[in-house]
């Protein structure tokens, strides 16, 4: 008659239990770290997308307005000068609003930095209806919009079509318009790539 030999069952020792808890804790910590990295990566990606969209909106709006620039003159005291002038901070020109080609109403646009009491600066655009070469530019009645908020860098440049030189001052008394306009602009995340706009109508 055979006899069955029973071996006593052995439970986990304290050391094994502690090792198991340590391994489990490490796995859980790695899982939460991975989730955190994914969350931060998604936030960074979202900020990049929002910044790219902002660049696109600003670039496209300015491109449309400069493409539609009108070669007009206005009276300045006893002489007539081009209805275009600019410096490092901003510029003034005439274009239609809205963009309907010849059917759109003409407006005088002025782009300048808008400074707030807290020290922040916005890129602001103003527009008044164009009323001929003798019009009085009353900016108190202008339409005003913020094209970009919290600007950290803002510099306008104008290229002379004859010499190819860039300058930050373009006087309305010049006999010609600039060939191209460049905007150096930046936000809290850094400087954007330069935005360059050819003035097709001015050629």
Protein backbone atom coordinates (compact mmCIF):
# COMPACT_ATOMS: atom_id res chain seq x y z
CA UNK A 1 0.00 0.00 0.00
CA UNK A 2 1.56 3.26 -1.11
CA UNK A 3 1.93 6.15 1.22
CA UNK A 4 1.52 9.75 0.08
CA UNK A 5 4.15 12.08 1.40
CA UNK A 6 2.86 15.55 2.13
CA UNK A 7 5.25 18.50 2.08
CA UNK A 8 4.40 21.44 4.26
CA UNK A 9 3.15 24.53 2.23
CA UNK A 10 5.47 27.51 2.37
CA UNK A 11 4.09 31.11 2.31
CA UNK A 12 5.87 34.29 1.19
CA UNK A 13 8.64 35.41 3.43
CA UNK A 14 8.75 39.02 4.56
CA UNK A 15 11.72 39.71 2.27
CA UNK A 16 9.88 38.34 -0.78
CA UNK A 17 6.81 40.40 0.08
CA UNK A 18 8.89 43.57 0.37
CA UNK A 19 10.61 42.87 -2.96
CA UNK A 20 7.24 42.31 -4.63
CA UNK A 21 5.86 45.56 -3.23
CA UNK A 22 8.97 47.44 -4.40
CA UNK A 23 8.68 46.03 -7.94
CA UNK A 24 4.96 46.87 -8.06
CA UNK A 25 5.62 50.41 -6.84
CA UNK A 26 8.32 50.88 -9.47
CA UNK A 27 5.99 49.70 -12.26
CA UNK A 28 3.19 52.00 -11.07
CA UNK A 29 5.62 54.92 -10.83
CA UNK A 30 6.85 54.30 -14.37
CA UNK A 31 3.27 54.13 -15.63
CA UNK A 32 2.37 57.46 -14.02
CA UNK A 33 5.61 59.03 -15.29
CA UNK A 34 4.76 57.87 -18.79
CA UNK A 35 1.28 59.36 -18.54
CA UNK A 36 2.80 62.64 -17.32
CA UNK A 37 5.28 62.75 -20.21
CA UNK A 38 2.47 62.10 -22.69
CA UNK A 39 0.38 64.85 -21.10
CA UNK A 40 3.22 67.38 -21.23
CA UNK A 41 4.02 66.39 -24.81
CA UNK A 42 0.39 66.95 -25.82
CA UNK A 43 0.44 70.37 -24.14
CA UNK A 44 3.62 71.31 -26.00
CA UNK A 45 2.16 70.11 -29.28
CA UNK A 46 -1.00 72.13 -28.65
CA UNK A 47 1.06 75.27 -27.96
CA UNK A 48 3.02 74.71 -31.17
CA UNK A 49 -0.20 74.28 -33.16
CA UNK A 50 -1.75 77.43 -31.66
CA UNK A 51 1.43 79.44 -32.35
CA UNK A 52 1.59 78.19 -35.94
CA UNK A 53 -2.06 79.11 -36.45
CA UNK A 54 -1.38 82.59 -35.08
CA UNK A 55 1.57 83.04 -37.45
CA UNK A 56 -0.59 81.94 -40.36
CA UNK A 57 -3.43 84.32 -39.50
CA UNK A 58 -1.11 87.34 -39.14
CA UNK A 59 0.87 86.49 -42.29
CA UNK A 60 -2.21 85.87 -44.45
CA UNK A 61 -4.04 89.00 -43.28
CA UNK A 62 -1.05 91.26 -43.94
CA UNK A 63 -0.33 89.51 -47.24
CA UNK A 64 -3.86 90.15 -48.50
CA UNK A 65 -3.75 93.79 -47.46
CA UNK A 66 -0.34 94.46 -49.01
CA UNK A 67 -1.29 92.60 -52.21
CA UNK A 68 -4.28 94.93 -52.54
CA UNK A 69 -2.32 98.13 -51.77
CA UNK A 70 -3.46 101.08 -53.90
CA UNK A 71 -1.01 103.52 -55.46
CA UNK A 72 -2.67 106.73 -54.38
CA UNK A 73 -1.46 110.16 -53.36
CA UNK A 74 -2.64 112.70 -50.82
CA UNK A 75 -2.10 116.35 -50.24
CA UNK A 76 0.42 117.27 -47.58
CA UNK A 77 0.33 121.06 -47.15
CA UNK A 78 1.07 122.36 -50.66
CA UNK A 79 2.42 119.18 -52.22
CA UNK A 80 1.10 115.73 -53.08
CA UNK A 81 2.83 112.69 -51.59
CA UNK A 82 2.30 108.95 -51.77
CA UNK A 83 -0.41 107.53 -49.53
CA UNK A 84 2.21 105.30 -47.94
CA UNK A 85 4.70 105.86 -45.15
CA UNK A 86 6.42 103.72 -42.59
CA UNK A 87 8.96 103.52 -39.81
CA UNK A 88 10.30 100.83 -37.50
CA UNK A 89 7.15 100.85 -35.35
CA UNK A 90 4.42 100.81 -38.02
CA UNK A 91 3.12 101.97 -41.37
CA UNK A 92 0.22 103.55 -43.25
CA UNK A 93 -1.29 102.52 -46.62
CA UNK A 94 -4.57 102.29 -48.59
CA UNK A 95 -6.31 99.00 -49.45
CA UNK A 96 -9.88 97.69 -49.84
CA UNK A 97 -11.98 96.36 -46.99
CA UNK A 98 -13.28 93.71 -47.25
CA UNK A 99 -11.21 91.97 -49.90
CA UNK A 100 -13.54 92.20 -52.89
CA UNK A 101 -11.18 93.50 -55.51
CA UNK A 102 -12.44 96.65 -57.16
CA UNK A 103 -15.88 96.25 -55.53
CA UNK A 104 -14.51 96.70 -52.01
CA UNK A 105 -14.53 100.05 -50.27
CA UNK A 106 -11.12 101.65 -49.85
CA UNK A 107 -9.74 102.29 -46.38
CA UNK A 108 -6.63 103.93 -44.98
CA UNK A 109 -4.88 101.44 -42.71
CA UNK A 110 -2.50 102.32 -39.94
CA UNK A 111 -0.54 99.69 -38.03
CA UNK A 112 1.13 100.61 -34.76
CA UNK A 113 2.09 99.01 -31.44
CA UNK A 114 -0.60 99.44 -28.79
CA UNK A 115 1.04 99.80 -25.37
CA UNK A 116 -0.87 98.94 -22.19
CA UNK A 117 -0.38 100.16 -18.63
CA UNK A 118 0.91 96.76 -17.51
CA UNK A 119 3.78 97.00 -20.02
CA UNK A 120 2.39 94.55 -22.59
CA UNK A 121 2.25 95.50 -26.27
CA UNK A 122 -0.27 94.46 -28.94
CA UNK A 123 0.01 94.72 -32.71
CA UNK A 124 -2.95 96.97 -33.50
CA UNK A 125 -4.50 97.94 -36.83
CA UNK A 126 -6.78 100.94 -37.42
CA UNK A 127 -8.80 101.77 -40.52
CA UNK A 128 -10.71 104.84 -41.69
CA UNK A 129 -12.72 105.04 -44.94
CA UNK A 130 -10.71 106.54 -47.79
CA UNK A 131 -12.25 109.80 -48.94
CA UNK A 132 -9.85 111.10 -51.56
CA UNK A 133 -6.55 112.89 -51.64
CA UNK A 134 -7.84 115.81 -49.56
CA UNK A 135 -9.28 113.72 -46.72
CA UNK A 136 -8.58 114.55 -43.09
CA UNK A 137 -7.31 111.47 -41.25
CA UNK A 138 -9.47 111.42 -38.12
CA UNK A 139 -8.21 108.36 -36.22
CA UNK A 140 -10.68 108.93 -33.39
CA UNK A 141 -13.36 107.52 -35.71
CA UNK A 142 -11.24 104.57 -36.85
CA UNK A 143 -12.15 100.90 -36.74
CA UNK A 144 -9.69 99.20 -34.39
CA UNK A 145 -8.64 95.58 -34.10
CA UNK A 146 -5.82 93.72 -32.36
CA UNK A 147 -4.01 91.61 -34.93
CA UNK A 148 -1.73 90.01 -32.33
CA UNK A 149 -1.62 90.30 -28.54
CA UNK A 150 1.44 90.37 -26.28
CA UNK A 151 4.07 91.17 -28.89
CA UNK A 152 7.66 90.93 -27.64
CA UNK A 153 9.52 91.91 -30.84
CA UNK A 154 8.20 94.35 -33.45
CA UNK A 155 10.33 95.89 -36.22
CA UNK A 156 9.26 96.93 -39.74
CA UNK A 157 11.71 97.18 -42.66
CA UNK A 158 11.29 98.51 -46.21
CA UNK A 159 13.32 97.52 -49.25
CA UNK A 160 14.29 100.02 -51.90
CA UNK A 161 13.57 98.48 -55.29
CA UNK A 162 16.41 100.38 -56.96
CA UNK A 163 19.24 99.63 -54.55
CA UNK A 164 17.95 96.50 -52.79
CA UNK A 165 18.80 98.18 -49.48
CA UNK A 166 16.58 97.71 -46.43
CA UNK A 167 15.63 100.70 -44.29
CA UNK A 168 13.37 101.29 -41.30
CA UNK A 169 12.15 104.67 -42.51
CA UNK A 170 10.05 105.25 -45.63
CA UNK A 171 8.87 108.78 -46.10
CA UNK A 172 5.68 109.57 -48.01
CA UNK A 173 7.60 112.15 -50.06
CA UNK A 174 9.69 109.42 -51.75
CA UNK A 175 8.83 109.14 -55.44
CA UNK A 176 8.35 105.36 -55.24
CA UNK A 177 6.91 102.70 -52.99
CA UNK A 178 9.12 100.04 -51.36
CA UNK A 179 9.53 96.82 -53.34
CA UNK A 180 9.10 94.64 -50.28
CA UNK A 181 8.13 94.95 -46.62
CA UNK A 182 9.63 92.81 -43.86
CA UNK A 183 8.19 92.34 -40.41
CA UNK A 184 10.37 91.03 -37.56
CA UNK A 185 7.96 89.95 -34.85
CA UNK A 186 8.07 87.72 -31.80
CA UNK A 187 5.94 86.47 -28.94
CA UNK A 188 6.57 85.06 -25.46
CA UNK A 189 7.97 81.86 -27.00
CA UNK A 190 10.57 83.67 -29.13
CA UNK A 191 11.00 85.38 -32.48
CA UNK A 192 9.05 84.23 -35.53
CA UNK A 193 10.68 83.65 -38.89
CA UNK A 194 10.76 87.02 -40.72
CA UNK A 195 7.54 87.79 -42.62
CA UNK A 196 8.33 89.27 -46.05
CA UNK A 197 5.67 90.76 -48.33
CA UNK A 198 6.38 91.85 -51.92
CA UNK A 199 4.39 94.91 -53.02
CA UNK A 200 3.30 93.58 -56.41
CA UNK A 201 1.27 96.67 -57.34
CA UNK A 202 4.22 98.95 -56.57
CA UNK A 203 6.49 97.39 -59.21
